[in-house]
Amino acid sequence: MTEVIVWSGWVGGLAVGLYALFQFIVSGKHLGVSTGFGNACSYFSKLSFFHKGDYENPNNWRLWFLIGLPLGGLLAALTSPGEITLSFSLGAMYDQVLPQALWAKGLVLLVGGVMIGYGSRLAGGCTSGHAIAGLSLLNWPSLLAAAGFFVGGIVAVQLLFGFFR
């Protein structure tokens, strides 16, 4: 069995914090991904929502930031020791509660992703936009949103693993 090597959480947190600071200093723009997702949707959707406001010019820095996220993950995988394996697995605990069939697990993850996207539009930004950029600006609505994300996540995990474990 291949040993899994996991980067330390403080390294990732430090990297995200430094990147958020670097991005703000260089561009004057705050970190977040939900607008980039909307920019990506504008290439595939004819809905007017995806062609006005922040989405009027789809080829902007947010779209490229969004594209860079999986590329950064690939770079991390390629520069880490061990074998690279593609998987829908989120870890042993989630494998216990998610469906085993690949199509069903993919469907659950897709529906979850759509719900997160819808929620981020309702909240006026995604978790990274509120919890990283908003908190760094001492924005009270972002503080409330981030607290809601954490409380909601804790409650959801407790319910999920309490019922299905």
N, C-alpha and C. Protein backbone atom coordinates (compact mmCIF):
# COMPACT_ATOMS: atom_id res chain seq x y z
N MET A 1 0.84 -1.18 0.00
CA MET A 1 0.00 0.00 0.00
C MET A 1 0.89 1.24 0.00
N THR A 2 0.50 2.23 -0.77
CA THR A 2 1.26 3.47 -0.89
C THR A 2 0.97 4.37 0.31
N GLU A 3 2.03 4.93 0.88
CA GLU A 3 1.86 5.86 1.99
C GLU A 3 1.36 7.20 1.46
N VAL A 4 0.33 7.74 2.09
CA VAL A 4 -0.23 9.02 1.69
C VAL A 4 0.49 10.12 2.47
N ILE A 5 1.02 11.07 1.75
CA ILE A 5 1.71 12.18 2.38
C ILE A 5 0.80 13.40 2.27
N VAL A 6 0.49 14.00 3.41
CA VAL A 6 -0.41 15.14 3.45
C VAL A 6 0.37 16.38 3.88
N TRP A 7 0.16 17.45 3.18
CA TRP A 7 0.80 18.69 3.55
C TRP A 7 0.21 19.18 4.86
N SER A 8 0.99 19.80 5.67
CA SER A 8 0.54 20.35 6.94
C SER A 8 -0.48 21.45 6.70
N GLY A 9 -1.51 21.52 7.55
CA GLY A 9 -2.54 22.54 7.40
C GLY A 9 -2.01 23.95 7.50
N TRP A 10 -1.01 24.16 8.36
CA TRP A 10 -0.47 25.51 8.53
C TRP A 10 0.25 25.98 7.27
N VAL A 11 0.82 25.03 6.50
CA VAL A 11 1.50 25.40 5.26
C VAL A 11 0.47 25.90 4.25
N GLY A 12 -0.64 25.18 4.12
CA GLY A 12 -1.70 25.60 3.20
C GLY A 12 -2.32 26.91 3.63
N GLY A 13 -2.59 27.07 4.93
CA GLY A 13 -3.16 28.31 5.44
C GLY A 13 -2.25 29.50 5.20
N LEU A 14 -0.97 29.30 5.46
CA LEU A 14 0.01 30.36 5.23
C LEU A 14 0.08 30.72 3.74
N ALA A 15 0.04 29.70 2.89
CA ALA A 15 0.10 29.95 1.44
C ALA A 15 -1.12 30.72 0.96
N VAL A 16 -2.31 30.34 1.44
CA VAL A 16 -3.53 31.05 1.04
C VAL A 16 -3.49 32.49 1.54
N GLY A 17 -3.09 32.69 2.79
CA GLY A 17 -3.02 34.03 3.34
C GLY A 17 -2.03 34.91 2.60
N LEU A 18 -0.86 34.36 2.29
CA LEU A 18 0.14 35.13 1.55
C LEU A 18 -0.34 35.43 0.14
N TYR A 19 -1.00 34.46 -0.49
CA TYR A 19 -1.51 34.71 -1.84
C TYR A 19 -2.58 35.80 -1.81
N ALA A 20 -3.50 35.73 -0.83
CA ALA A 20 -4.55 36.75 -0.73
C ALA A 20 -3.95 38.14 -0.57
N LEU A 21 -2.94 38.24 0.27
CA LEU A 21 -2.26 39.52 0.46
C LEU A 21 -1.56 39.97 -0.82
N PHE A 22 -0.83 39.05 -1.46
CA PHE A 22 -0.12 39.35 -2.71
C PHE A 22 -1.10 39.82 -3.78
N GLN A 23 -2.22 39.10 -3.92
CA GLN A 23 -3.20 39.46 -4.94
C GLN A 23 -3.76 40.84 -4.69
N PHE A 24 -4.07 41.16 -3.44
CA PHE A 24 -4.63 42.48 -3.13
C PHE A 24 -3.61 43.58 -3.40
N ILE A 25 -2.36 43.34 -3.03
CA ILE A 25 -1.33 44.36 -3.25
C ILE A 25 -1.10 44.59 -4.74
N VAL A 26 -1.05 43.52 -5.52
CA VAL A 26 -0.76 43.63 -6.95
C VAL A 26 -1.95 44.15 -7.75
N SER A 27 -3.15 43.63 -7.46
CA SER A 27 -4.29 43.94 -8.31
C SER A 27 -5.35 44.83 -7.67
N GLY A 28 -5.32 44.94 -6.34
CA GLY A 28 -6.38 45.68 -5.66
C GLY A 28 -7.68 44.90 -5.59
N LYS A 29 -7.64 43.62 -5.95
CA LYS A 29 -8.83 42.75 -5.97
C LYS A 29 -8.74 41.75 -4.83
N HIS A 30 -9.89 41.40 -4.26
CA HIS A 30 -9.94 40.46 -3.15
C HIS A 30 -10.14 39.03 -3.65
N LEU A 31 -9.63 38.09 -2.87
CA LEU A 31 -9.70 36.66 -3.20
C LEU A 31 -11.13 36.16 -3.12
N GLY A 32 -11.53 35.33 -4.05
CA GLY A 32 -12.85 34.69 -4.10
C GLY A 32 -13.00 33.96 -5.42
N VAL A 33 -13.86 32.95 -5.45
CA VAL A 33 -13.97 32.16 -6.68
C VAL A 33 -15.36 32.14 -7.29
N SER A 34 -16.39 32.55 -6.56
CA SER A 34 -17.74 32.39 -7.12
C SER A 34 -17.96 33.25 -8.37
N THR A 35 -17.37 34.44 -8.44
CA THR A 35 -17.52 35.25 -9.64
C THR A 35 -16.80 34.60 -10.82
N GLY A 36 -15.65 33.97 -10.57
CA GLY A 36 -14.95 33.25 -11.63
C GLY A 36 -15.78 32.10 -12.17
N PHE A 37 -16.52 31.44 -11.28
CA PHE A 37 -17.40 30.36 -11.73
C PHE A 37 -18.49 30.92 -12.63
N GLY A 38 -19.02 32.09 -12.26
CA GLY A 38 -20.01 32.75 -13.12
C GLY A 38 -19.43 33.13 -14.46
N ASN A 39 -18.16 33.57 -14.47
CA ASN A 39 -17.49 33.88 -15.74
C ASN A 39 -17.38 32.63 -16.60
N ALA A 40 -17.06 31.49 -15.99
CA ALA A 40 -16.98 30.23 -16.74
C ALA A 40 -18.36 29.85 -17.28
N CYS A 41 -19.40 30.05 -16.47
CA CYS A 41 -20.76 29.73 -16.92
C CYS A 41 -21.17 30.58 -18.11
N SER A 42 -20.65 31.81 -18.20
CA SER A 42 -21.04 32.70 -19.30
C SER A 42 -20.61 32.14 -20.65
N TYR A 43 -19.61 31.28 -20.67
CA TYR A 43 -19.19 30.66 -21.93
C TYR A 43 -20.15 29.58 -22.39
N PHE A 44 -20.91 29.00 -21.46
CA PHE A 44 -21.77 27.87 -21.78
C PHE A 44 -23.26 28.16 -21.68
N SER A 45 -23.63 29.26 -21.04
CA SER A 45 -25.03 29.56 -20.79
C SER A 45 -25.47 30.78 -21.58
N LYS A 46 -26.69 30.75 -22.04
CA LYS A 46 -27.26 31.90 -22.74
C LYS A 46 -28.11 32.75 -21.79
N LEU A 47 -28.22 32.35 -20.51
CA LEU A 47 -29.00 33.12 -19.54
C LEU A 47 -28.41 34.52 -19.40
N SER A 48 -29.28 35.53 -19.39
CA SER A 48 -28.80 36.92 -19.33
C SER A 48 -28.03 37.20 -18.04
N PHE A 49 -28.32 36.47 -16.96
CA PHE A 49 -27.63 36.65 -15.69
C PHE A 49 -26.12 36.53 -15.85
N PHE A 50 -25.69 35.61 -16.71
CA PHE A 50 -24.26 35.35 -16.90
C PHE A 50 -23.62 36.25 -17.96
N HIS A 51 -24.30 37.30 -18.37
CA HIS A 51 -23.76 38.19 -19.40
C HIS A 51 -23.88 39.66 -19.04
N LYS A 52 -24.04 39.95 -17.74
CA LYS A 52 -24.13 41.35 -17.31
C LYS A 52 -23.40 41.50 -15.98
N GLY A 53 -23.10 42.73 -15.62
CA GLY A 53 -22.42 43.01 -14.36
C GLY A 53 -21.01 42.42 -14.34
N ASP A 54 -20.70 41.68 -13.28
CA ASP A 54 -19.37 41.07 -13.13
C ASP A 54 -19.07 40.05 -14.22
N TYR A 55 -20.11 39.57 -14.90
CA TYR A 55 -19.92 38.53 -15.92
C TYR A 55 -19.89 39.08 -17.34
N GLU A 56 -20.00 40.40 -17.48
CA GLU A 56 -20.04 41.00 -18.81
C GLU A 56 -18.78 40.70 -19.63
N ASN A 57 -17.63 40.73 -18.97
CA ASN A 57 -16.38 40.37 -19.62
C ASN A 57 -15.90 39.06 -19.00
N PRO A 58 -16.23 37.92 -19.63
CA PRO A 58 -15.90 36.64 -18.99
C PRO A 58 -14.41 36.33 -18.92
N ASN A 59 -13.62 36.90 -19.82
CA ASN A 59 -12.19 36.59 -19.85
C ASN A 59 -11.45 37.59 -18.97
N ASN A 60 -11.53 37.38 -17.64
CA ASN A 60 -10.86 38.28 -16.72
C ASN A 60 -10.03 37.48 -15.72
N TRP A 61 -9.41 38.16 -14.78
CA TRP A 61 -8.49 37.51 -13.85
C TRP A 61 -9.19 36.45 -13.01
N ARG A 62 -10.48 36.65 -12.68
CA ARG A 62 -11.17 35.67 -11.83
C ARG A 62 -11.32 34.32 -12.54
N LEU A 63 -11.59 34.35 -13.83
CA LEU A 63 -11.69 33.10 -14.59
C LEU A 63 -10.34 32.39 -14.59
N TRP A 64 -9.28 33.13 -14.79
CA TRP A 64 -7.94 32.51 -14.82
C TRP A 64 -7.53 32.01 -13.45
N PHE A 65 -7.96 32.71 -12.39
CA PHE A 65 -7.71 32.23 -11.03
C PHE A 65 -8.42 30.89 -10.82
N LEU A 66 -9.67 30.81 -11.28
CA LEU A 66 -10.45 29.58 -11.15
C LEU A 66 -9.79 28.43 -11.92
N ILE A 67 -9.30 28.72 -13.11
CA ILE A 67 -8.61 27.69 -13.91
C ILE A 67 -7.32 27.26 -13.21
N GLY A 68 -6.66 28.20 -12.54
CA GLY A 68 -5.41 27.89 -11.85
C GLY A 68 -5.57 26.99 -10.63
N LEU A 69 -6.75 26.94 -10.03
CA LEU A 69 -6.94 26.11 -8.84
C LEU A 69 -6.66 24.63 -9.10
N PRO A 70 -7.31 24.01 -10.10
CA PRO A 70 -6.98 22.60 -10.33
C PRO A 70 -5.56 22.42 -10.88
N LEU A 71 -5.06 23.42 -11.61
CA LEU A 71 -3.68 23.32 -12.09
C LEU A 71 -2.70 23.35 -10.92
N GLY A 72 -3.00 24.15 -9.90
CA GLY A 72 -2.17 24.18 -8.69
C GLY A 72 -2.23 22.85 -7.95
N GLY A 73 -3.42 22.25 -7.90
CA GLY A 73 -3.55 20.92 -7.29
C GLY A 73 -2.75 19.89 -8.05
N LEU A 74 -2.78 19.97 -9.38
CA LEU A 74 -1.99 19.05 -10.20
C LEU A 74 -0.50 19.26 -9.95
N LEU A 75 -0.07 20.50 -9.88
CA LEU A 75 1.34 20.80 -9.60
C LEU A 75 1.74 20.23 -8.23
N ALA A 76 0.88 20.41 -7.23
CA ALA A 76 1.17 19.86 -5.90
C ALA A 76 1.28 18.34 -5.96
N ALA A 77 0.38 17.70 -6.71
CA ALA A 77 0.41 16.24 -6.83
C ALA A 77 1.68 15.78 -7.55
N LEU A 78 2.04 16.50 -8.60
CA LEU A 78 3.22 16.10 -9.37
C LEU A 78 4.52 16.31 -8.60
N THR A 79 4.54 17.26 -7.69
CA THR A 79 5.76 17.54 -6.94
C THR A 79 5.79 16.84 -5.58
N SER A 80 4.75 16.08 -5.27
CA SER A 80 4.69 15.32 -4.02
C SER A 80 5.14 13.89 -4.28
N PRO A 81 5.78 13.29 -3.29
CA PRO A 81 6.17 11.89 -3.48
C PRO A 81 4.94 10.98 -3.46
N GLY A 82 5.05 9.83 -4.03
CA GLY A 82 3.95 8.86 -4.04
C GLY A 82 3.25 8.82 -5.38
N GLU A 83 2.32 7.89 -5.47
CA GLU A 83 1.59 7.64 -6.71
C GLU A 83 0.37 8.55 -6.80
N ILE A 84 0.08 9.06 -7.99
CA ILE A 84 -1.09 9.89 -8.21
C ILE A 84 -2.24 8.97 -8.61
N THR A 85 -3.36 9.08 -7.90
CA THR A 85 -4.54 8.30 -8.25
C THR A 85 -5.74 9.24 -8.32
N LEU A 86 -6.52 9.10 -9.38
CA LEU A 86 -7.73 9.89 -9.53
C LEU A 86 -8.85 9.17 -8.78
N SER A 87 -9.65 9.94 -8.06
CA SER A 87 -10.67 9.32 -7.23
C SER A 87 -11.75 10.32 -6.86
N PHE A 88 -12.97 9.83 -6.58
CA PHE A 88 -14.03 10.64 -6.01
C PHE A 88 -14.01 10.51 -4.49
N SER A 89 -13.04 9.82 -3.94
CA SER A 89 -12.99 9.59 -2.50
C SER A 89 -12.64 10.88 -1.76
N LEU A 90 -13.38 11.15 -0.70
CA LEU A 90 -13.10 12.28 0.17
C LEU A 90 -12.54 11.81 1.50
N GLY A 91 -12.15 10.55 1.56
CA GLY A 91 -11.62 9.97 2.78
C GLY A 91 -12.52 8.84 3.27
N ALA A 92 -11.98 8.07 4.19
CA ALA A 92 -12.67 6.87 4.67
C ALA A 92 -14.02 7.18 5.29
N MET A 93 -14.11 8.25 6.07
CA MET A 93 -15.39 8.56 6.72
C MET A 93 -16.48 8.87 5.70
N TYR A 94 -16.15 9.67 4.68
CA TYR A 94 -17.14 10.00 3.67
C TYR A 94 -17.46 8.80 2.79
N ASP A 95 -16.49 7.94 2.57
CA ASP A 95 -16.76 6.73 1.79
C ASP A 95 -17.81 5.85 2.46
N GLN A 96 -17.93 5.97 3.79
CA GLN A 96 -18.93 5.19 4.51
C GLN A 96 -20.35 5.70 4.27
N VAL A 97 -20.51 6.98 4.02
CA VAL A 97 -21.85 7.56 3.90
C VAL A 97 -22.25 7.90 2.47
N LEU A 98 -21.29 8.07 1.58
CA LEU A 98 -21.63 8.35 0.19
C LEU A 98 -21.92 7.03 -0.54
N PRO A 99 -22.73 7.10 -1.60
CA PRO A 99 -23.01 5.88 -2.36
C PRO A 99 -21.72 5.27 -2.91
N GLN A 100 -21.70 3.97 -3.09
CA GLN A 100 -20.51 3.30 -3.60
C GLN A 100 -20.42 3.35 -5.13
N ALA A 101 -21.57 3.36 -5.80
CA ALA A 101 -21.57 3.41 -7.27
C ALA A 101 -20.98 4.74 -7.72
N LEU A 102 -20.07 4.66 -8.66
CA LEU A 102 -19.37 5.85 -9.13
C LEU A 102 -20.34 6.92 -9.64
N TRP A 103 -21.33 6.52 -10.42
CA TRP A 103 -22.29 7.49 -10.97
C TRP A 103 -23.10 8.15 -9.86
N ALA A 104 -23.48 7.39 -8.83
CA ALA A 104 -24.27 7.94 -7.73
C ALA A 104 -23.43 8.89 -6.88
N LYS A 105 -22.18 8.52 -6.63
CA LYS A 105 -21.29 9.39 -5.86
C LYS A 105 -21.06 10.69 -6.64
N GLY A 106 -20.84 10.58 -7.95
CA GLY A 106 -20.68 11.76 -8.79
C GLY A 106 -21.92 12.64 -8.77
N LEU A 107 -23.10 12.03 -8.78
CA LEU A 107 -24.35 12.79 -8.74
C LEU A 107 -24.49 13.54 -7.41
N VAL A 108 -24.18 12.87 -6.31
CA VAL A 108 -24.26 13.52 -4.98
C VAL A 108 -23.29 14.71 -4.94
N LEU A 109 -22.07 14.52 -5.43
CA LEU A 109 -21.09 15.60 -5.43
C LEU A 109 -21.52 16.74 -6.35
N LEU A 110 -22.11 16.43 -7.49
CA LEU A 110 -22.59 17.45 -8.43
C LEU A 110 -23.72 18.26 -7.80
N VAL A 111 -24.69 17.59 -7.20
CA VAL A 111 -25.81 18.29 -6.56
C VAL A 111 -25.29 19.16 -5.41
N GLY A 112 -24.34 18.63 -4.63
CA GLY A 112 -23.75 19.41 -3.56
C GLY A 112 -23.04 20.65 -4.09
N GLY A 113 -22.33 20.51 -5.19
CA GLY A 113 -21.64 21.64 -5.79
C GLY A 113 -22.62 22.71 -6.29
N VAL A 114 -23.73 22.28 -6.89
CA VAL A 114 -24.74 23.23 -7.36
C VAL A 114 -25.35 23.96 -6.17
N MET A 115 -25.61 23.23 -5.08
CA MET A 115 -26.17 23.87 -3.88
C MET A 115 -25.18 24.89 -3.29
N ILE A 116 -23.90 24.56 -3.29
CA ILE A 116 -22.90 25.50 -2.79
C ILE A 116 -22.86 26.74 -3.68
N GLY A 117 -22.89 26.55 -4.99
CA GLY A 117 -22.89 27.69 -5.91
C GLY A 117 -24.10 28.58 -5.73
N TYR A 118 -25.26 27.97 -5.58
CA TYR A 118 -26.49 28.74 -5.37
C TYR A 118 -26.42 29.50 -4.05
N GLY A 119 -25.94 28.83 -3.01
CA GLY A 119 -25.81 29.47 -1.70
C GLY A 119 -24.82 30.62 -1.73
N SER A 120 -23.74 30.47 -2.48
CA SER A 120 -22.75 31.55 -2.54
C SER A 120 -23.32 32.77 -3.25
N ARG A 121 -24.17 32.56 -4.22
CA ARG A 121 -24.82 33.71 -4.87
C ARG A 121 -25.81 34.37 -3.93
N LEU A 122 -26.55 33.57 -3.14
CA LEU A 122 -27.48 34.16 -2.18
C LEU A 122 -26.75 34.95 -1.09
N ALA A 123 -25.57 34.45 -0.69
CA ALA A 123 -24.79 35.09 0.38
C ALA A 123 -23.95 36.26 -0.13
N GLY A 124 -23.96 36.50 -1.42
CA GLY A 124 -23.17 37.61 -1.97
C GLY A 124 -21.69 37.28 -2.06
N GLY A 125 -21.35 36.01 -2.08
CA GLY A 125 -19.96 35.59 -2.21
C GLY A 125 -19.76 34.19 -1.68
N CYS A 126 -18.65 33.61 -2.03
CA CYS A 126 -18.35 32.24 -1.63
C CYS A 126 -17.65 32.21 -0.28
N THR A 127 -17.40 31.02 0.20
CA THR A 127 -16.76 30.87 1.51
C THR A 127 -15.38 31.52 1.53
N SER A 128 -14.62 31.36 0.46
CA SER A 128 -13.29 31.98 0.45
C SER A 128 -13.39 33.49 0.39
N GLY A 129 -14.36 34.00 -0.36
CA GLY A 129 -14.53 35.45 -0.45
C GLY A 129 -14.90 36.05 0.90
N HIS A 130 -15.82 35.41 1.61
CA HIS A 130 -16.23 35.94 2.91
C HIS A 130 -15.19 35.65 3.99
N ALA A 131 -14.77 34.38 4.10
CA ALA A 131 -13.92 33.98 5.23
C ALA A 131 -12.49 34.48 5.11
N ILE A 132 -11.98 34.64 3.90
CA ILE A 132 -10.60 35.10 3.75
C ILE A 132 -10.56 36.60 3.49
N ALA A 133 -11.16 37.03 2.40
CA ALA A 133 -11.10 38.45 2.05
C ALA A 133 -11.96 39.30 2.97
N GLY A 134 -13.19 38.87 3.22
CA GLY A 134 -14.09 39.67 4.05
C GLY A 134 -13.61 39.83 5.47
N LEU A 135 -13.10 38.75 6.07
CA LEU A 135 -12.60 38.84 7.44
C LEU A 135 -11.35 39.69 7.53
N SER A 136 -10.51 39.63 6.51
CA SER A 136 -9.29 40.45 6.54
C SER A 136 -9.63 41.94 6.48
N LEU A 137 -10.81 42.27 5.95
CA LEU A 137 -11.26 43.66 5.90
C LEU A 137 -12.13 44.03 7.11
N LEU A 138 -12.26 43.09 8.05
CA LEU A 138 -13.11 43.27 9.23
C LEU A 138 -14.55 43.62 8.84
N ASN A 139 -15.04 42.96 7.81
CA ASN A 139 -16.38 43.15 7.28
C ASN A 139 -17.36 42.33 8.13
N TRP A 140 -18.28 43.00 8.87
CA TRP A 140 -19.21 42.30 9.77
C TRP A 140 -20.10 41.29 9.05
N PRO A 141 -20.67 41.60 7.88
CA PRO A 141 -21.47 40.58 7.20
C PRO A 141 -20.64 39.33 6.86
N SER A 142 -19.38 39.52 6.53
CA SER A 142 -18.51 38.38 6.24
C SER A 142 -18.23 37.58 7.51
N LEU A 143 -18.10 38.25 8.64
CA LEU A 143 -17.92 37.55 9.91
C LEU A 143 -19.14 36.68 10.21
N LEU A 144 -20.33 37.23 10.01
CA LEU A 144 -21.54 36.45 10.23
C LEU A 144 -21.64 35.30 9.24
N ALA A 145 -21.31 35.56 7.98
CA ALA A 145 -21.35 34.50 6.97
C ALA A 145 -20.36 33.39 7.31
N ALA A 146 -19.13 33.75 7.68
CA ALA A 146 -18.11 32.75 8.01
C ALA A 146 -18.53 31.94 9.23
N ALA A 147 -19.11 32.60 10.24
CA ALA A 147 -19.60 31.87 11.41
C ALA A 147 -20.71 30.91 11.00
N GLY A 148 -21.58 31.35 10.11
CA GLY A 148 -22.64 30.47 9.60
C GLY A 148 -22.09 29.28 8.84
N PHE A 149 -21.02 29.50 8.05
CA PHE A 149 -20.41 28.39 7.32
C PHE A 149 -19.89 27.34 8.29
N PHE A 150 -19.18 27.79 9.32
CA PHE A 150 -18.59 26.86 10.27
C PHE A 150 -19.66 26.13 11.09
N VAL A 151 -20.63 26.88 11.60
CA VAL A 151 -21.70 26.25 12.38
C VAL A 151 -22.49 25.29 11.51
N GLY A 152 -22.85 25.74 10.30
CA GLY A 152 -23.58 24.86 9.38
C GLY A 152 -22.80 23.61 9.04
N GLY A 153 -21.49 23.76 8.82
CA GLY A 153 -20.65 22.60 8.52
C GLY A 153 -20.58 21.63 9.68
N ILE A 154 -20.43 22.14 10.88
CA ILE A 154 -20.36 21.28 12.07
C ILE A 154 -21.68 20.53 12.25
N VAL A 155 -22.80 21.25 12.14
CA VAL A 155 -24.11 20.61 12.30
C VAL A 155 -24.34 19.57 11.21
N ALA A 156 -24.01 19.91 9.96
CA ALA A 156 -24.22 18.97 8.85
C ALA A 156 -23.39 17.70 9.03
N VAL A 157 -22.14 17.85 9.43
CA VAL A 157 -21.28 16.67 9.63
C VAL A 157 -21.80 15.81 10.78
N GLN A 158 -22.21 16.46 11.87
CA GLN A 158 -22.74 15.69 13.00
C GLN A 158 -24.00 14.93 12.60
N LEU A 159 -24.89 15.58 11.86
CA LEU A 159 -26.11 14.91 11.40
C LEU A 159 -25.79 13.79 10.42
N LEU A 160 -24.92 14.10 9.46
CA LEU A 160 -24.57 13.12 8.45
C LEU A 160 -23.96 11.86 9.06
N PHE A 161 -22.98 12.05 9.91
CA PHE A 161 -22.30 10.88 10.47
C PHE A 161 -23.07 10.28 11.63
N GLY A 162 -23.95 11.06 12.25
CA GLY A 162 -24.80 10.49 13.30
C GLY A 162 -25.86 9.57 12.74
N PHE A 163 -26.42 9.92 11.58
CA PHE A 163 -27.48 9.12 10.97
C PHE A 163 -26.96 7.97 10.13
N PHE A 164 -25.87 8.16 9.43
CA PHE A 164 -25.44 7.19 8.43
C PHE A 164 -24.22 6.37 8.83
N ARG A 165 -23.68 6.62 9.97
CA ARG A 165 -22.46 5.91 10.34
C ARG A 165 -22.73 4.61 11.05
